[in-house]
Protein backbone atom coordinates (compact mmCIF):
# COMPACT_ATOMS: atom_id res chain seq x y z
CA UNK A 1 -23.44 5.77 1.55
CA UNK A 2 -26.16 5.85 3.82
CA UNK A 3 -29.04 8.01 2.49
CA UNK A 4 -32.28 8.28 4.94
CA UNK A 5 -35.33 7.91 3.17
CA UNK A 6 -38.96 7.87 4.83
CA UNK A 7 -41.79 6.32 3.46
CA UNK A 8 -43.84 6.72 6.53
CA UNK A 9 -43.54 3.71 7.42
CA UNK A 10 -41.06 5.35 10.37
CA UNK A 11 -37.64 5.76 9.05
CA UNK A 12 -35.66 3.77 6.45
CA UNK A 13 -31.74 3.45 6.23
CA UNK A 14 -30.73 2.84 2.62
CA UNK A 15 -27.43 2.25 1.10
CA UNK A 16 -27.34 2.54 -2.23
CA UNK A 17 -24.86 1.81 -5.14
CA UNK A 18 -22.68 4.64 -6.29
CA UNK A 19 -24.20 5.60 -9.45
CA UNK A 20 -27.62 6.36 -10.05
CA UNK A 21 -28.24 3.19 -12.46
CA UNK A 22 -30.38 0.23 -11.83
CA UNK A 23 -29.12 -1.94 -9.12
CA UNK A 24 -28.48 -5.33 -9.74
CA UNK A 25 -29.89 -6.66 -6.53
CA UNK A 26 -32.39 -5.27 -3.98
CA UNK A 27 -32.14 -6.27 -0.39
CA UNK A 28 -34.18 -5.28 2.05
CA UNK A 29 -33.50 -5.90 5.74
CA UNK A 30 -36.81 -6.30 8.41
CA UNK A 31 -36.22 -6.51 11.96
CA UNK A 32 -37.84 -7.97 15.06
CA UNK A 33 -40.54 -6.90 17.30
CA UNK A 34 -39.07 -3.94 19.68
CA UNK A 35 -36.13 -3.77 17.22
CA UNK A 36 -35.22 -0.84 15.04
CA UNK A 37 -33.35 -0.22 11.26
CA UNK A 38 -30.23 0.21 13.56
CA UNK A 39 -30.50 -3.56 15.12
CA UNK A 40 -29.83 -4.71 11.43
CA UNK A 41 -26.97 -2.90 10.87
CA UNK A 42 -24.55 -5.76 11.59
CA UNK A 43 -26.03 -7.83 9.19
CA UNK A 44 -26.41 -5.27 6.63
CA UNK A 45 -22.52 -4.64 6.85
CA UNK A 46 -21.84 -8.22 6.33
CA UNK A 47 -24.40 -7.89 3.07
CA UNK A 48 -22.64 -4.94 1.94
CA UNK A 49 -19.51 -6.44 1.94
CA UNK A 50 -20.27 -9.43 -0.33
CA UNK A 51 -22.69 -7.49 -2.71
CA UNK A 52 -21.48 -3.80 -3.10
CA UNK A 53 -23.50 -2.76 -5.74
CA UNK A 54 -26.39 -3.99 -4.46
CA UNK A 55 -29.38 -1.37 -3.52
CA UNK A 56 -29.71 -2.35 0.57
CA UNK A 57 -32.79 -0.87 2.66
CA UNK A 58 -33.67 -1.42 6.40
CA UNK A 59 -37.39 0.07 7.00
CA UNK A 60 -38.51 0.31 10.37
CA UNK A 61 -42.02 -1.13 11.79
CA UNK A 62 -45.17 0.71 11.01
CA UNK A 63 -45.69 1.18 14.28
CA UNK A 64 -44.49 2.28 17.63
CA UNK A 65 -43.71 -0.99 20.09
CA UNK A 66 -46.35 -1.49 22.36
CA UNK A 67 -44.21 -3.70 24.42
CA UNK A 68 -43.33 -1.13 27.64
CA UNK A 69 -40.16 -0.08 25.65
CA UNK A 70 -38.48 1.86 22.75
CA UNK A 71 -38.62 0.50 19.10
CA UNK A 72 -40.87 -0.32 16.35
CA UNK A 73 -43.07 -3.41 15.51
CA UNK A 74 -44.66 -4.59 12.40
CA UNK A 75 -47.89 -5.89 14.34
CA UNK A 76 -48.64 -6.10 18.14
CA UNK A 77 -48.20 -9.48 19.89
CA UNK A 78 -49.94 -8.13 23.09
CA UNK A 79 -52.26 -11.11 23.83
CA UNK A 80 -51.23 -13.42 20.39
CA UNK A 81 -52.69 -16.54 20.23
CA UNK A 82 -52.23 -19.02 17.32
CA UNK A 83 -55.86 -18.05 16.57
CA UNK A 84 -55.37 -14.07 15.95
CA UNK A 85 -51.73 -14.11 14.43
CA UNK A 86 -52.86 -14.30 10.89
CA UNK A 87 -54.78 -11.75 10.85
CA UNK A 88 -52.32 -9.57 12.24
CA UNK A 89 -49.90 -10.78 9.98
CA UNK A 90 -51.95 -10.36 7.00
CA UNK A 91 -52.80 -6.71 8.20
CA UNK A 92 -49.28 -6.03 8.17
CA UNK A 93 -48.59 -7.66 5.14
CA UNK A 94 -50.91 -5.51 3.21
CA UNK A 95 -49.20 -2.40 4.25
CA UNK A 96 -45.83 -3.39 3.58
CA UNK A 97 -46.65 -5.02 0.02
CA UNK A 98 -47.43 -1.47 -0.91
CA UNK A 99 -44.61 -0.46 0.42
CA UNK A 100 -42.00 -2.62 -1.04
CA UNK A 101 -43.94 -2.00 -4.76
CA UNK A 102 -43.31 1.71 -4.50
CA UNK A 103 -39.59 1.00 -3.47
CA UNK A 104 -39.09 -1.12 -6.70
CA UNK A 105 -40.56 1.45 -8.61
CA UNK A 106 -38.74 4.04 -7.39
CA UNK A 107 -34.88 1.88 -7.70
CA UNK A 108 -36.15 0.24 -10.88
CA UNK A 109 -35.81 -2.94 -8.94
CA UNK A 110 -37.37 -5.98 -10.58
CA UNK A 111 -38.99 -8.51 -8.49
CA UNK A 112 -37.02 -11.07 -9.62
CA UNK A 113 -33.79 -9.41 -8.22
CA UNK A 114 -35.32 -8.45 -4.92
CA UNK A 115 -34.49 -10.30 -1.50
CA UNK A 116 -36.82 -10.10 1.38
CA UNK A 117 -34.60 -10.51 4.56
CA UNK A 118 -36.10 -10.81 8.10
CA UNK A 119 -35.42 -11.52 11.52
CA UNK A 120 -38.01 -12.56 14.07
CA UNK A 121 -41.45 -11.12 13.46
CA UNK A 122 -39.60 -9.41 10.18
CA UNK A 123 -38.86 -12.94 9.19
CA UNK A 124 -42.77 -13.85 9.33
CA UNK A 125 -43.44 -11.12 7.55
CA UNK A 126 -41.33 -11.87 5.01
CA UNK A 127 -42.45 -15.39 4.52
CA UNK A 128 -46.07 -14.56 4.38
CA UNK A 129 -45.34 -11.93 1.96
CA UNK A 130 -43.72 -14.67 -0.23
CA UNK A 131 -46.60 -16.74 0.50
CA UNK A 132 -49.41 -14.55 -0.29
CA UNK A 133 -47.44 -12.67 -3.56
CA UNK A 134 -45.67 -15.16 -5.20
CA UNK A 135 -42.75 -13.74 -7.30
CA UNK A 136 -42.51 -10.54 -5.49
CA UNK A 137 -39.35 -11.07 -4.22
CA UNK A 138 -36.71 -13.49 -6.05
CA UNK A 139 -35.45 -15.05 -2.25
CA UNK A 140 -36.46 -14.66 1.49
CA UNK A 141 -34.14 -15.13 4.00
CA UNK A 142 -35.87 -15.90 7.51
CA UNK A 143 -33.74 -15.87 10.29
CA UNK A 144 -35.59 -17.19 13.57
CA UNK A 145 -39.04 -16.84 12.21
CA UNK A 146 -42.16 -18.89 11.38
CA UNK A 147 -45.30 -19.09 9.20
CA UNK A 148 -48.37 -17.48 11.07
CA UNK A 149 -49.83 -20.50 9.53
CA UNK A 150 -47.99 -23.63 7.97
CA UNK A 151 -48.60 -23.08 3.56
CA UNK A 152 -50.92 -25.42 1.95
CA UNK A 153 -49.07 -24.30 -1.32
CA UNK A 154 -45.60 -23.24 -2.31
CA UNK A 155 -44.46 -20.45 -3.76
CA UNK A 156 -43.28 -20.95 -7.69
CA UNK A 157 -41.14 -18.16 -8.09
CA UNK A 158 -39.30 -17.41 -4.75
CA UNK A 159 -36.71 -19.45 -2.87
CA UNK A 160 -36.95 -19.51 0.74
CA UNK A 161 -33.76 -20.15 2.87
CA UNK A 162 -34.66 -20.69 6.75
CA UNK A 163 -31.98 -19.96 9.18
CA UNK A 164 -32.49 -20.57 12.77
CA UNK A 165 -30.35 -21.11 16.35
CA UNK A 166 -30.76 -24.66 17.33
CA UNK A 167 -31.22 -22.96 21.11
CA UNK A 168 -33.53 -20.58 20.12
CA UNK A 169 -36.27 -20.49 22.83
CA UNK A 170 -37.93 -17.34 21.80
CA UNK A 171 -38.78 -19.11 18.42
CA UNK A 172 -38.04 -22.53 18.83
CA UNK A 173 -36.24 -24.51 15.59
CA UNK A 174 -39.40 -27.00 15.51
CA UNK A 175 -41.17 -24.05 13.21
CA UNK A 176 -38.05 -24.01 10.78
CA UNK A 177 -38.56 -27.90 10.67
CA UNK A 178 -41.94 -27.99 10.34
CA UNK A 179 -41.87 -25.13 7.63
CA UNK A 180 -39.11 -27.18 5.85
CA UNK A 181 -41.06 -30.28 5.68
CA UNK A 182 -44.52 -28.92 4.69
CA UNK A 183 -42.66 -26.75 1.71
CA UNK A 184 -40.83 -30.17 0.67
CA UNK A 185 -44.09 -32.04 0.86
CA UNK A 186 -45.30 -29.23 -1.65
CA UNK A 187 -42.51 -28.93 -3.77
CA UNK A 188 -41.14 -25.42 -2.72
CA UNK A 189 -37.54 -24.36 -3.17
CA UNK A 190 -36.59 -24.20 0.03
CA UNK A 191 -33.35 -24.77 2.39
CA UNK A 192 -32.60 -25.11 5.99
CA UNK A 193 -29.53 -24.36 8.06
CA UNK A 194 -29.67 -24.65 12.00
CA UNK A 195 -26.93 -23.56 14.23
CA UNK A 196 -26.74 -25.66 17.35
CA UNK A 197 -26.23 -24.10 20.65
CA UNK A 198 -27.60 -20.75 19.26
CA UNK A 199 -30.54 -18.85 20.49
CA UNK A 200 -32.37 -15.99 19.20
CA UNK A 201 -29.88 -13.67 17.23
CA UNK A 202 -28.61 -12.87 14.15
CA UNK A 203 -25.49 -15.09 14.86
CA UNK A 204 -22.56 -14.67 12.33
CA UNK A 205 -22.78 -18.18 11.78
CA UNK A 206 -25.94 -18.03 10.30
CA UNK A 207 -25.33 -14.38 8.74
CA UNK A 208 -22.29 -16.77 7.37
CA UNK A 209 -24.36 -19.47 5.85
CA UNK A 210 -27.37 -17.37 4.61
CA UNK A 211 -24.88 -15.41 2.15
CA UNK A 212 -23.15 -18.84 1.22
CA UNK A 213 -26.85 -19.53 0.37
CA UNK A 214 -27.33 -16.56 -2.04
CA UNK A 215 -23.65 -17.07 -3.57
CA UNK A 216 -23.97 -20.67 -4.39
CA UNK A 217 -27.77 -21.72 -4.35
CA UNK A 218 -29.42 -21.99 -7.80
CA UNK A 219 -32.96 -21.73 -7.43
CA UNK A 220 -35.12 -24.61 -8.79
CA UNK A 221 -36.97 -22.45 -11.53
CA UNK A 222 -33.66 -21.43 -12.93
CA UNK A 223 -32.76 -25.20 -13.41
CA UNK A 224 -36.04 -26.32 -14.88
CA UNK A 225 -36.06 -23.10 -17.42
CA UNK A 226 -32.64 -24.67 -18.69
CA UNK A 227 -34.21 -27.57 -18.86
CA UNK A 228 -37.03 -26.55 -20.68
CA UNK A 229 -39.56 -27.55 -18.13
CA UNK A 230 -40.89 -24.44 -17.78
CA UNK A 231 -40.72 -21.07 -20.09
CA UNK A 232 -37.59 -19.09 -19.32
CA UNK A 233 -38.13 -16.51 -16.78
CA UNK A 234 -39.34 -13.02 -18.79
CA UNK A 235 -38.18 -10.17 -15.84
CA UNK A 236 -35.19 -9.42 -14.74
CA UNK A 237 -32.25 -12.03 -12.86
CA UNK A 238 -31.45 -13.65 -9.80
CA UNK A 239 -30.06 -12.72 -6.88
CA UNK A 240 -26.69 -14.31 -6.19
């Protein structure tokens, strides 16, 4: 069932479980620049088919797209540079984190069972949220994204899944490769899947691989806890 809910970002499409209980998973889908909630519906439908008991939300960006057409944006890309991108992303991230905290509280969804699923600009926001707020989400799935700045430390409570088209000319796949190399160096828990011949899009092959990762990848922290290397997690379970 689709339930409109307006948290005053703009609009949020919600697919909620059929009962009023605590959802076993919370998935938040974040669209790209100039997009809207409806642009993420094909991905939402694929995730709903695999995880029917999950609460699935598609919020729209904070601001109207300033690029000359309809749509929304998380931050402006007008005259954006490598130097000014981090500050723009950080401002958007602060607003999004407040919304996500409120949403988790409203739905009684623990951070560990929350997955942020972003495309393009939405992927940037998801990655940077996990970087600044380790453990606010248990998983991040970043389609066709990048970091605003490559990280100097890796999240310990968030697993990162990078998914990219090999023929992406908008956000070249080198960004994903560089991110994986840096996260590996820092001891992060990350995966990378590149679909050759795929451009800047939520391609079915990437969606299928994302679902495969959600279903089969056991986070490193879960293995470590089972082996006694770190204390067992105290909050919630893992998205799976």
